[in-house]
């Protein structure tokens, strides 16, 4: 594992990039200034960037959010979201999830691009549901209250539309739908996961970059739970962002400043799959 102080030198070895969004490029409320400059340089070099995001939003809704934060369509080649993959499963007429009432476990989707053919199936009554869908994020104090009714519905399958267990939104720590799904699975429920670290989202991103002629691809993410293991399993070179994302507090890092080498080594010992390199943030 290499600590990179010269990110541009590293990027010169690659002709395409797969990037996480939350914690790498933005925090849901603002885009990181260094990330905007980094994206602009890749555009000038004609090196495509494709975003892979664990977000319950559809791809179209995510693209709109990015544009509202100043990350224009010219700065990236596109995006694949866990929410879009879940939506595709819910609307595939040949699949097992296209019919039946849906109970939302987590945050009810609001203006995030979910089509009426799906939202029309929502039911507030878990006993009437054929399927549970874990979405969104919420304050940590709400976890137990949201989990309790699910434990009486372990016979129902669950789709997890956002596998993140925790995230930071506008500087505020939140619990992700992935934590609900994890607890549901630990209690004996069956969960169908969409998004990182599952291989499908990486395969889709790579396919899109290959269509644009890329051969050497670098993945950049901030999570040692979803990003790095999934990307390594996909055979990608990986770069962990330490100081703008989810592990910043655990690493005791200031924003966009590398943690101490001692703190970093101690932190990484807790994970079986290691990144190829680390960097403070996109600068």
C-alpha atoms as a PDB file:
ATOM      1  CA  UNK A   1       0.000   0.000   0.000  1.00  0.00           C
ATOM      2  CA  UNK A   2       1.445   3.338  -1.119  1.00  0.00           C
ATOM      3  CA  UNK A   3       0.691   6.766   0.329  1.00  0.00           C
ATOM      4  CA  UNK A   4       0.413   9.175  -2.599  1.00  0.00           C
ATOM      5  CA  UNK A   5       1.371  12.801  -2.121  1.00  0.00           C
ATOM      6  CA  UNK A   6       1.407  13.485  -5.878  1.00  0.00           C
ATOM      7  CA  UNK A   7      -2.028  12.465  -7.128  1.00  0.00           C
ATOM      8  CA  UNK A   8      -1.444  13.852 -10.614  1.00  0.00           C
ATOM      9  CA  UNK A   9       1.578  11.613 -11.130  1.00  0.00           C
ATOM     10  CA  UNK A  10      -0.537   8.603 -10.198  1.00  0.00           C
ATOM     11  CA  UNK A  11      -3.394   9.656 -12.482  1.00  0.00           C
ATOM     12  CA  UNK A  12      -1.012   9.946 -15.425  1.00  0.00           C
ATOM     13  CA  UNK A  13      -0.766   6.129 -15.446  1.00  0.00           C
ATOM     14  CA  UNK A  14      -4.483   5.678 -16.187  1.00  0.00           C
ATOM     15  CA  UNK A  15      -6.795   6.632 -19.022  1.00  0.00           C
ATOM     16  CA  UNK A  16     -10.121   6.184 -17.218  1.00  0.00           C
ATOM     17  CA  UNK A  17     -11.520   6.453 -13.703  1.00  0.00           C
ATOM     18  CA  UNK A  18     -14.336   4.958 -11.665  1.00  0.00           C
ATOM     19  CA  UNK A  19     -15.237   7.165  -8.701  1.00  0.00           C
ATOM     20  CA  UNK A  20     -17.429   6.946  -5.670  1.00  0.00           C
ATOM     21  CA  UNK A  21     -19.451  10.115  -5.071  1.00  0.00           C
ATOM     22  CA  UNK A  22     -20.233  10.674  -1.377  1.00  0.00           C
ATOM     23  CA  UNK A  23     -17.043  11.384   0.528  1.00  0.00           C
ATOM     24  CA  UNK A  24     -14.898  11.593  -2.593  1.00  0.00           C
ATOM     25  CA  UNK A  25     -16.492  14.232  -4.816  1.00  0.00           C
ATOM     26  CA  UNK A  26     -19.128  15.746  -2.513  1.00  0.00           C
ATOM     27  CA  UNK A  27     -21.057  15.302   0.729  1.00  0.00           C
ATOM     28  CA  UNK A  28     -24.592  15.608  -0.622  1.00  0.00           C
ATOM     29  CA  UNK A  29     -24.735  19.327   0.148  1.00  0.00           C
ATOM     30  CA  UNK A  30     -21.623  20.680  -1.527  1.00  0.00           C
ATOM     31  CA  UNK A  31     -19.038  19.558  -4.022  1.00  0.00           C
ATOM     32  CA  UNK A  32     -15.485  19.495  -2.732  1.00  0.00           C
ATOM     33  CA  UNK A  33     -13.494  22.286  -4.467  1.00  0.00           C
ATOM     34  CA  UNK A  34     -10.480  20.060  -5.016  1.00  0.00           C
ATOM     35  CA  UNK A  35     -12.671  17.427  -6.630  1.00  0.00           C
ATOM     36  CA  UNK A  36     -14.136  19.921  -9.094  1.00  0.00           C
ATOM     37  CA  UNK A  37     -10.643  20.968 -10.157  1.00  0.00           C
ATOM     38  CA  UNK A  38      -9.583  17.307 -10.425  1.00  0.00           C
ATOM     39  CA  UNK A  39     -12.569  16.512 -12.658  1.00  0.00           C
ATOM     40  CA  UNK A  40     -11.814  19.524 -14.849  1.00  0.00           C
ATOM     41  CA  UNK A  41      -8.248  18.297 -15.382  1.00  0.00           C
ATOM     42  CA  UNK A  42      -9.455  14.844 -16.398  1.00  0.00           C
ATOM     43  CA  UNK A  43     -11.846  16.431 -18.866  1.00  0.00           C
ATOM     44  CA  UNK A  44      -9.004  18.506 -20.340  1.00  0.00           C
ATOM     45  CA  UNK A  45      -6.986  15.293 -20.749  1.00  0.00           C
ATOM     46  CA  UNK A  46      -9.992  13.537 -22.345  1.00  0.00           C
ATOM     47  CA  UNK A  47      -9.857  10.837 -19.670  1.00  0.00           C
ATOM     48  CA  UNK A  48     -13.429   9.744 -18.893  1.00  0.00           C
ATOM     49  CA  UNK A  49     -14.767   9.540 -15.348  1.00  0.00           C
ATOM     50  CA  UNK A  50     -17.734   7.308 -14.476  1.00  0.00           C
ATOM     51  CA  UNK A  51     -19.382   7.565 -11.062  1.00  0.00           C
ATOM     52  CA  UNK A  52     -20.468   4.516  -9.045  1.00  0.00           C
ATOM     53  CA  UNK A  53     -22.716   5.529  -6.174  1.00  0.00           C
ATOM     54  CA  UNK A  54     -24.506   3.728  -3.388  1.00  0.00           C
ATOM     55  CA  UNK A  55     -27.507   6.056  -3.491  1.00  0.00           C
ATOM     56  CA  UNK A  56     -31.186   5.172  -3.488  1.00  0.00           C
ATOM     57  CA  UNK A  57     -31.740   7.751  -6.221  1.00  0.00           C
ATOM     58  CA  UNK A  58     -32.017   6.753  -9.853  1.00  0.00           C
ATOM     59  CA  UNK A  59     -29.163   7.641 -12.175  1.00  0.00           C
ATOM     60  CA  UNK A  60     -31.149  10.527 -13.680  1.00  0.00           C
ATOM     61  CA  UNK A  61     -31.942  11.992 -10.260  1.00  0.00           C
ATOM     62  CA  UNK A  62     -28.298  11.652  -9.217  1.00  0.00           C
ATOM     63  CA  UNK A  63     -27.138  13.444 -12.357  1.00  0.00           C
ATOM     64  CA  UNK A  64     -29.546  16.278 -11.539  1.00  0.00           C
ATOM     65  CA  UNK A  65     -28.211  16.478  -7.969  1.00  0.00           C
ATOM     66  CA  UNK A  66     -24.647  16.656  -9.274  1.00  0.00           C
ATOM     67  CA  UNK A  67     -25.540  19.448 -11.686  1.00  0.00           C
ATOM     68  CA  UNK A  68     -27.162  21.394  -8.838  1.00  0.00           C
ATOM     69  CA  UNK A  69     -23.885  21.097  -6.917  1.00  0.00           C
ATOM     70  CA  UNK A  70     -21.863  22.419  -9.848  1.00  0.00           C
ATOM     71  CA  UNK A  71     -20.730  19.035 -11.183  1.00  0.00           C
ATOM     72  CA  UNK A  72     -21.924  19.524 -14.724  1.00  0.00           C
ATOM     73  CA  UNK A  73     -22.485  16.765 -17.261  1.00  0.00           C
ATOM     74  CA  UNK A  74     -19.337  17.910 -19.073  1.00  0.00           C
ATOM     75  CA  UNK A  75     -17.218  16.821 -16.101  1.00  0.00           C
ATOM     76  CA  UNK A  76     -18.181  13.143 -16.182  1.00  0.00           C
ATOM     77  CA  UNK A  77     -19.145  10.450 -18.650  1.00  0.00           C
ATOM     78  CA  UNK A  78     -22.076   9.183 -16.587  1.00  0.00           C
ATOM     79  CA  UNK A  79     -23.092   7.365 -13.432  1.00  0.00           C
ATOM     80  CA  UNK A  80     -24.469   4.076 -12.161  1.00  0.00           C
ATOM     81  CA  UNK A  81     -26.337   4.062  -8.849  1.00  0.00           C
ATOM     82  CA  UNK A  82     -27.457   1.288  -6.547  1.00  0.00           C
ATOM     83  CA  UNK A  83     -30.917   2.852  -6.640  1.00  0.00           C
ATOM     84  CA  UNK A  84     -31.054   2.515 -10.413  1.00  0.00           C
ATOM     85  CA  UNK A  85     -30.038  -1.139 -10.225  1.00  0.00           C
ATOM     86  CA  UNK A  86     -32.741  -1.761  -7.618  1.00  0.00           C
ATOM     87  CA  UNK A  87     -35.253   0.124  -9.765  1.00  0.00           C
ATOM     88  CA  UNK A  88     -34.361  -1.998 -12.771  1.00  0.00           C
ATOM     89  CA  UNK A  89     -35.033  -5.112 -10.701  1.00  0.00           C
ATOM     90  CA  UNK A  90     -38.377  -3.762  -9.470  1.00  0.00           C
ATOM     91  CA  UNK A  91     -39.539  -2.959 -13.002  1.00  0.00           C
ATOM     92  CA  UNK A  92     -38.195  -6.004 -14.862  1.00  0.00           C
ATOM     93  CA  UNK A  93     -41.354  -7.873 -15.928  1.00  0.00           C
ATOM     94  CA  UNK A  94     -39.398 -11.128 -16.162  1.00  0.00           C
ATOM     95  CA  UNK A  95     -37.870 -10.804 -12.700  1.00  0.00           C
ATOM     96  CA  UNK A  96     -39.151 -11.873  -9.279  1.00  0.00           C
ATOM     97  CA  UNK A  97     -39.715  -8.343  -7.915  1.00  0.00           C
ATOM     98  CA  UNK A  98     -42.028  -6.812 -10.529  1.00  0.00           C
ATOM     99  CA  UNK A  99     -45.259  -7.512  -8.651  1.00  0.00           C
ATOM    100  CA  UNK A 100     -46.607  -7.239  -5.140  1.00  0.00           C
ATOM    101  CA  UNK A 101     -46.899  -4.519  -2.527  1.00  0.00           C
ATOM    102  CA  UNK A 102     -43.704  -2.853  -1.294  1.00  0.00           C
ATOM    103  CA  UNK A 103     -43.003  -1.677   2.241  1.00  0.00           C
ATOM    104  CA  UNK A 104     -40.202   0.868   2.501  1.00  0.00           C
ATOM    105  CA  UNK A 105     -37.737   0.052   5.275  1.00  0.00           C
ATOM    106  CA  UNK A 106     -35.796   3.237   5.802  1.00  0.00           C
ATOM    107  CA  UNK A 107     -36.404   6.628   4.259  1.00  0.00           C
ATOM    108  CA  UNK A 108     -39.394   6.874   1.913  1.00  0.00           C
ATOM    109  CA  UNK A 109     -38.115   8.047  -1.485  1.00  0.00           C
ATOM    110  CA  UNK A 110     -38.970  11.683  -2.163  1.00  0.00           C
ATOM    111  CA  UNK A 111     -38.407  13.313  -5.545  1.00  0.00           C
ATOM    112  CA  UNK A 112     -35.570  10.949  -6.335  1.00  0.00           C
ATOM    113  CA  UNK A 113     -36.805   9.688  -9.674  1.00  0.00           C
ATOM    114  CA  UNK A 114     -38.626   6.534  -8.609  1.00  0.00           C
ATOM    115  CA  UNK A 115     -41.366   5.959 -11.231  1.00  0.00           C
ATOM    116  CA  UNK A 116     -45.071   5.877 -10.440  1.00  0.00           C
ATOM    117  CA  UNK A 117     -45.291   2.222 -11.447  1.00  0.00           C
ATOM    118  CA  UNK A 118     -43.129   1.458  -8.411  1.00  0.00           C
ATOM    119  CA  UNK A 119     -44.383   4.039  -5.910  1.00  0.00           C
ATOM    120  CA  UNK A 120     -47.971   2.941  -6.626  1.00  0.00           C
ATOM    121  CA  UNK A 121     -47.054  -0.374  -5.004  1.00  0.00           C
ATOM    122  CA  UNK A 122     -45.981   1.210  -1.707  1.00  0.00           C
ATOM    123  CA  UNK A 123     -47.855   0.192   1.423  1.00  0.00           C
ATOM    124  CA  UNK A 124     -47.450   1.574   4.917  1.00  0.00           C
ATOM    125  CA  UNK A 125     -48.635  -1.751   6.340  1.00  0.00           C
ATOM    126  CA  UNK A 126     -45.754  -4.195   6.511  1.00  0.00           C
ATOM    127  CA  UNK A 127     -48.109  -7.155   6.941  1.00  0.00           C
ATOM    128  CA  UNK A 128     -49.586  -6.455   3.481  1.00  0.00           C
ATOM    129  CA  UNK A 129     -46.207  -6.271   1.743  1.00  0.00           C
ATOM    130  CA  UNK A 130     -44.748  -8.928  -0.501  1.00  0.00           C
ATOM    131  CA  UNK A 131     -41.361  -7.218  -0.514  1.00  0.00           C
ATOM    132  CA  UNK A 132     -39.305  -4.927   1.699  1.00  0.00           C
ATOM    133  CA  UNK A 133     -37.065  -2.252   0.176  1.00  0.00           C
ATOM    134  CA  UNK A 134     -34.355  -0.610   2.292  1.00  0.00           C
ATOM    135  CA  UNK A 135     -33.551   2.901   1.081  1.00  0.00           C
ATOM    136  CA  UNK A 136     -32.021   6.188   2.094  1.00  0.00           C
ATOM    137  CA  UNK A 137     -30.391   7.262   5.337  1.00  0.00           C
ATOM    138  CA  UNK A 138     -31.453   8.506   8.752  1.00  0.00           C
ATOM    139  CA  UNK A 139     -30.054   9.616  12.145  1.00  0.00           C
ATOM    140  CA  UNK A 140     -28.396   6.837  14.177  1.00  0.00           C
ATOM    141  CA  UNK A 141     -30.947   7.251  16.985  1.00  0.00           C
ATOM    142  CA  UNK A 142     -33.679   6.002  14.636  1.00  0.00           C
ATOM    143  CA  UNK A 143     -32.047   2.659  13.829  1.00  0.00           C
ATOM    144  CA  UNK A 144     -33.723   0.573  16.536  1.00  0.00           C
ATOM    145  CA  UNK A 145     -37.164   2.011  15.842  1.00  0.00           C
ATOM    146  CA  UNK A 146     -36.869   1.331  12.122  1.00  0.00           C
ATOM    147  CA  UNK A 147     -35.473  -2.170  12.639  1.00  0.00           C
ATOM    148  CA  UNK A 148     -37.999  -3.466  15.189  1.00  0.00           C
ATOM    149  CA  UNK A 149     -40.981  -3.966  12.830  1.00  0.00           C
ATOM    150  CA  UNK A 150     -38.735  -5.644  10.271  1.00  0.00           C
ATOM    151  CA  UNK A 151     -37.880  -8.404  12.724  1.00  0.00           C
ATOM    152  CA  UNK A 152     -41.508  -9.543  12.556  1.00  0.00           C
ATOM    153  CA  UNK A 153     -41.283  -9.796   8.762  1.00  0.00           C
ATOM    154  CA  UNK A 154     -38.242 -12.031   8.296  1.00  0.00           C
ATOM    155  CA  UNK A 155     -40.242 -14.230   5.922  1.00  0.00           C
ATOM    156  CA  UNK A 156     -40.388 -11.403   3.368  1.00  0.00           C
ATOM    157  CA  UNK A 157     -37.476 -10.796   0.965  1.00  0.00           C
ATOM    158  CA  UNK A 158     -35.674  -7.473   1.188  1.00  0.00           C
ATOM    159  CA  UNK A 159     -34.052  -5.423  -1.556  1.00  0.00           C
ATOM    160  CA  UNK A 160     -31.311  -3.106  -0.323  1.00  0.00           C
ATOM    161  CA  UNK A 161     -31.134  -0.081  -2.635  1.00  0.00           C
ATOM    162  CA  UNK A 162     -28.219   1.496  -0.751  1.00  0.00           C
ATOM    163  CA  UNK A 163     -25.685  -0.875   0.867  1.00  0.00           C
ATOM    164  CA  UNK A 164     -23.852   1.889   2.755  1.00  0.00           C
ATOM    165  CA  UNK A 165     -23.930   1.227   6.487  1.00  0.00           C
ATOM    166  CA  UNK A 166     -22.979   4.777   7.376  1.00  0.00           C
ATOM    167  CA  UNK A 167     -22.397   8.035   5.564  1.00  0.00           C
ATOM    168  CA  UNK A 168     -21.823  11.726   6.123  1.00  0.00           C
ATOM    169  CA  UNK A 169     -24.355  14.171   4.683  1.00  0.00           C
ATOM    170  CA  UNK A 170     -23.386  17.822   4.889  1.00  0.00           C
ATOM    171  CA  UNK A 171     -21.023  17.045   7.758  1.00  0.00           C
ATOM    172  CA  UNK A 172     -23.700  15.110   9.680  1.00  0.00           C
ATOM    173  CA  UNK A 173     -23.150  11.376  10.341  1.00  0.00           C
ATOM    174  CA  UNK A 174     -26.090   9.208   9.275  1.00  0.00           C
ATOM    175  CA  UNK A 175     -26.951   5.516   9.194  1.00  0.00           C
ATOM    176  CA  UNK A 176     -27.504   4.092   5.720  1.00  0.00           C
ATOM    177  CA  UNK A 177     -30.076   1.563   4.548  1.00  0.00           C
ATOM    178  CA  UNK A 178     -27.279  -0.991   4.403  1.00  0.00           C
ATOM    179  CA  UNK A 179     -27.219  -1.100   8.196  1.00  0.00           C
ATOM    180  CA  UNK A 180     -30.919  -1.980   8.300  1.00  0.00           C
ATOM    181  CA  UNK A 181     -30.349  -4.672   5.690  1.00  0.00           C
ATOM    182  CA  UNK A 182     -27.329  -6.045   7.546  1.00  0.00           C
ATOM    183  CA  UNK A 183     -29.272  -6.327  10.821  1.00  0.00           C
ATOM    184  CA  UNK A 184     -32.213  -7.895   8.958  1.00  0.00           C
ATOM    185  CA  UNK A 185     -29.883 -10.487   7.418  1.00  0.00           C
ATOM    186  CA  UNK A 186     -28.191 -11.183  10.757  1.00  0.00           C
ATOM    187  CA  UNK A 187     -31.638 -11.937  12.203  1.00  0.00           C
ATOM    188  CA  UNK A 188     -32.263 -14.516   9.473  1.00  0.00           C
ATOM    189  CA  UNK A 189     -33.870 -12.467   6.703  1.00  0.00           C
ATOM    190  CA  UNK A 190     -32.969 -12.751   3.017  1.00  0.00           C
ATOM    191  CA  UNK A 191     -31.463  -9.621   1.457  1.00  0.00           C
ATOM    192  CA  UNK A 192     -30.848  -8.936  -2.233  1.00  0.00           C
ATOM    193  CA  UNK A 193     -28.075  -6.352  -2.418  1.00  0.00           C
ATOM    194  CA  UNK A 194     -27.731  -3.776  -5.208  1.00  0.00           C
ATOM    195  CA  UNK A 195     -24.653  -1.564  -5.479  1.00  0.00           C
ATOM    196  CA  UNK A 196     -21.141  -1.709  -4.080  1.00  0.00           C
ATOM    197  CA  UNK A 197     -19.460  -4.043  -3.165  1.00  0.00           C
ATOM    198  CA  UNK A 198     -21.525  -6.347  -5.418  1.00  0.00           C
ATOM    199  CA  UNK A 199     -19.853  -7.070  -8.781  1.00  0.00           C
ATOM    200  CA  UNK A 200     -22.682  -5.898 -11.070  1.00  0.00           C
ATOM    201  CA  UNK A 201     -22.208  -2.178 -10.454  1.00  0.00           C
ATOM    202  CA  UNK A 202     -18.463  -2.398 -11.139  1.00  0.00           C
ATOM    203  CA  UNK A 203     -19.065  -4.427 -14.298  1.00  0.00           C
ATOM    204  CA  UNK A 204     -21.518  -1.829 -15.579  1.00  0.00           C
ATOM    205  CA  UNK A 205     -19.121   1.025 -14.915  1.00  0.00           C
ATOM    206  CA  UNK A 206     -16.232  -0.781 -16.572  1.00  0.00           C
ATOM    207  CA  UNK A 207     -18.377  -1.610 -19.591  1.00  0.00           C
ATOM    208  CA  UNK A 208     -19.206   2.061 -20.063  1.00  0.00           C
ATOM    209  CA  UNK A 209     -15.559   3.095 -19.799  1.00  0.00           C
ATOM    210  CA  UNK A 210     -14.458   0.369 -22.223  1.00  0.00           C
ATOM    211  CA  UNK A 211     -16.950   1.734 -24.760  1.00  0.00           C
ATOM    212  CA  UNK A 212     -15.045   5.012 -24.513  1.00  0.00           C
ATOM    213  CA  UNK A 213     -11.743   3.296 -25.272  1.00  0.00           C
ATOM    214  CA  UNK A 214     -10.181   3.106 -21.823  1.00  0.00           C
ATOM    215  CA  UNK A 215      -7.717   0.345 -20.955  1.00  0.00           C
ATOM    216  CA  UNK A 216      -6.147   1.313 -17.626  1.00  0.00           C
ATOM    217  CA  UNK A 217      -8.777   2.165 -15.006  1.00  0.00           C
ATOM    218  CA  UNK A 218      -8.305   3.423 -11.441  1.00  0.00           C
ATOM    219  CA  UNK A 219     -11.068   3.206  -8.845  1.00  0.00           C
ATOM    220  CA  UNK A 220     -11.200   5.913  -6.162  1.00  0.00           C
ATOM    221  CA  UNK A 221     -13.427   5.513  -3.101  1.00  0.00           C
ATOM    222  CA  UNK A 222     -13.662   6.341   0.593  1.00  0.00           C
ATOM    223  CA  UNK A 223     -15.117   3.156   2.136  1.00  0.00           C
ATOM    224  CA  UNK A 224     -13.182   0.131   3.302  1.00  0.00           C
ATOM    225  CA  UNK A 225     -16.501  -1.725   3.628  1.00  0.00           C
ATOM    226  CA  UNK A 226     -18.079  -1.281   0.198  1.00  0.00           C
ATOM    227  CA  UNK A 227     -15.695   0.560  -2.145  1.00  0.00           C
ATOM    228  CA  UNK A 228     -12.295  -1.032  -1.795  1.00  0.00           C
ATOM    229  CA  UNK A 229     -13.369  -4.703  -1.404  1.00  0.00           C
ATOM    230  CA  UNK A 230     -15.738  -4.475  -4.364  1.00  0.00           C
ATOM    231  CA  UNK A 231     -13.214  -2.773  -6.624  1.00  0.00           C
ATOM    232  CA  UNK A 232     -10.408  -5.169  -5.708  1.00  0.00           C
ATOM    233  CA  UNK A 233     -12.735  -8.116  -6.408  1.00  0.00           C
ATOM    234  CA  UNK A 234     -13.412  -6.565  -9.824  1.00  0.00           C
ATOM    235  CA  UNK A 235      -9.674  -6.604 -10.529  1.00  0.00           C
ATOM    236  CA  UNK A 236      -9.241  -2.842 -10.331  1.00  0.00           C
ATOM    237  CA  UNK A 237      -6.395  -0.770  -8.965  1.00  0.00           C
ATOM    238  CA  UNK A 238      -7.797   1.085  -5.960  1.00  0.00           C
ATOM    239  CA  UNK A 239      -7.132   4.367  -4.206  1.00  0.00           C
ATOM    240  CA  UNK A 240      -8.625   5.089  -0.778  1.00  0.00           C
ATOM    241  CA  UNK A 241      -9.525   8.690   0.037  1.00  0.00           C
ATOM    242  CA  UNK A 242      -8.820   9.086   3.754  1.00  0.00           C
ATOM    243  CA  UNK A 243      -9.667  12.630   4.704  1.00  0.00           C
ATOM    244  CA  UNK A 244     -12.884  13.758   3.017  1.00  0.00           C
ATOM    245  CA  UNK A 245     -15.080  10.704   3.525  1.00  0.00           C
ATOM    246  CA  UNK A 246     -16.600   8.221   5.905  1.00  0.00           C
ATOM    247  CA  UNK A 247     -13.401   7.177   7.724  1.00  0.00           C
ATOM    248  CA  UNK A 248     -12.102  10.695   8.346  1.00  0.00           C
ATOM    249  CA  UNK A 249     -13.123  10.765  12.029  1.00  0.00           C
ATOM    250  CA  UNK A 250     -11.771   7.272  12.722  1.00  0.00           C
ATOM    251  CA  UNK A 251      -8.472   8.323  11.188  1.00  0.00           C
ATOM    252  CA  UNK A 252      -8.350  11.578  13.138  1.00  0.00           C
ATOM    253  CA  UNK A 253      -7.697  13.430   9.901  1.00  0.00           C
ATOM    254  CA  UNK A 254      -8.260  17.071   9.077  1.00  0.00           C
ATOM    255  CA  UNK A 255     -10.148  17.767   5.868  1.00  0.00           C
ATOM    256  CA  UNK A 256      -7.985  16.942   2.839  1.00  0.00           C
ATOM    257  CA  UNK A 257      -4.932  16.272   5.042  1.00  0.00           C
ATOM    258  CA  UNK A 258      -3.409  12.812   5.353  1.00  0.00           C
ATOM    259  CA  UNK A 259      -3.627  11.179   8.790  1.00  0.00           C
ATOM    260  CA  UNK A 260      -0.476  10.151  10.586  1.00  0.00           C
ATOM    261  CA  UNK A 261       1.194   7.020   9.252  1.00  0.00           C
ATOM    262  CA  UNK A 262       0.750   5.338  12.646  1.00  0.00           C
ATOM    263  CA  UNK A 263      -2.979   6.074  12.724  1.00  0.00           C
ATOM    264  CA  UNK A 264      -3.375   4.916   9.129  1.00  0.00           C
ATOM    265  CA  UNK A 265      -1.567   1.614   9.654  1.00  0.00           C
ATOM    266  CA  UNK A 266      -3.553   0.878  12.806  1.00  0.00           C
ATOM    267  CA  UNK A 267      -6.831   1.640  11.028  1.00  0.00           C
ATOM    268  CA  UNK A 268      -6.102  -0.492   7.960  1.00  0.00           C
ATOM    269  CA  UNK A 269      -5.189  -3.489  10.127  1.00  0.00           C
ATOM    270  CA  UNK A 270      -8.883  -3.902  10.792  1.00  0.00           C
ATOM    271  CA  UNK A 271      -9.645  -4.859   7.180  1.00  0.00           C
ATOM    272  CA  UNK A 272      -8.749  -7.964   5.215  1.00  0.00           C
ATOM    273  CA  UNK A 273      -8.813  -6.293   1.786  1.00  0.00           C
ATOM    274  CA  UNK A 274      -6.351  -3.429   1.392  1.00  0.00           C
ATOM    275  CA  UNK A 275      -6.256  -0.544  -1.104  1.00  0.00           C
ATOM    276  CA  UNK A 276      -3.362  -0.272  -3.530  1.00  0.00           C
ATOM    277  CA  UNK A 277      -2.809   3.266  -2.346  1.00  0.00           C
ATOM    278  CA  UNK A 278      -4.175   6.078  -0.204  1.00  0.00           C
ATOM    279  CA  UNK A 279      -4.540   9.806  -0.703  1.00  0.00           C
ATOM    280  CA  UNK A 280      -5.937  12.575   1.475  1.00  0.00           C
ATOM    281  CA  UNK A 281      -8.512  13.670  -1.102  1.00  0.00           C
ATOM    282  CA  UNK A 282      -8.960  14.807  -4.674  1.00  0.00           C
ATOM    283  CA  UNK A 283      -6.856  17.921  -5.064  1.00  0.00           C
END
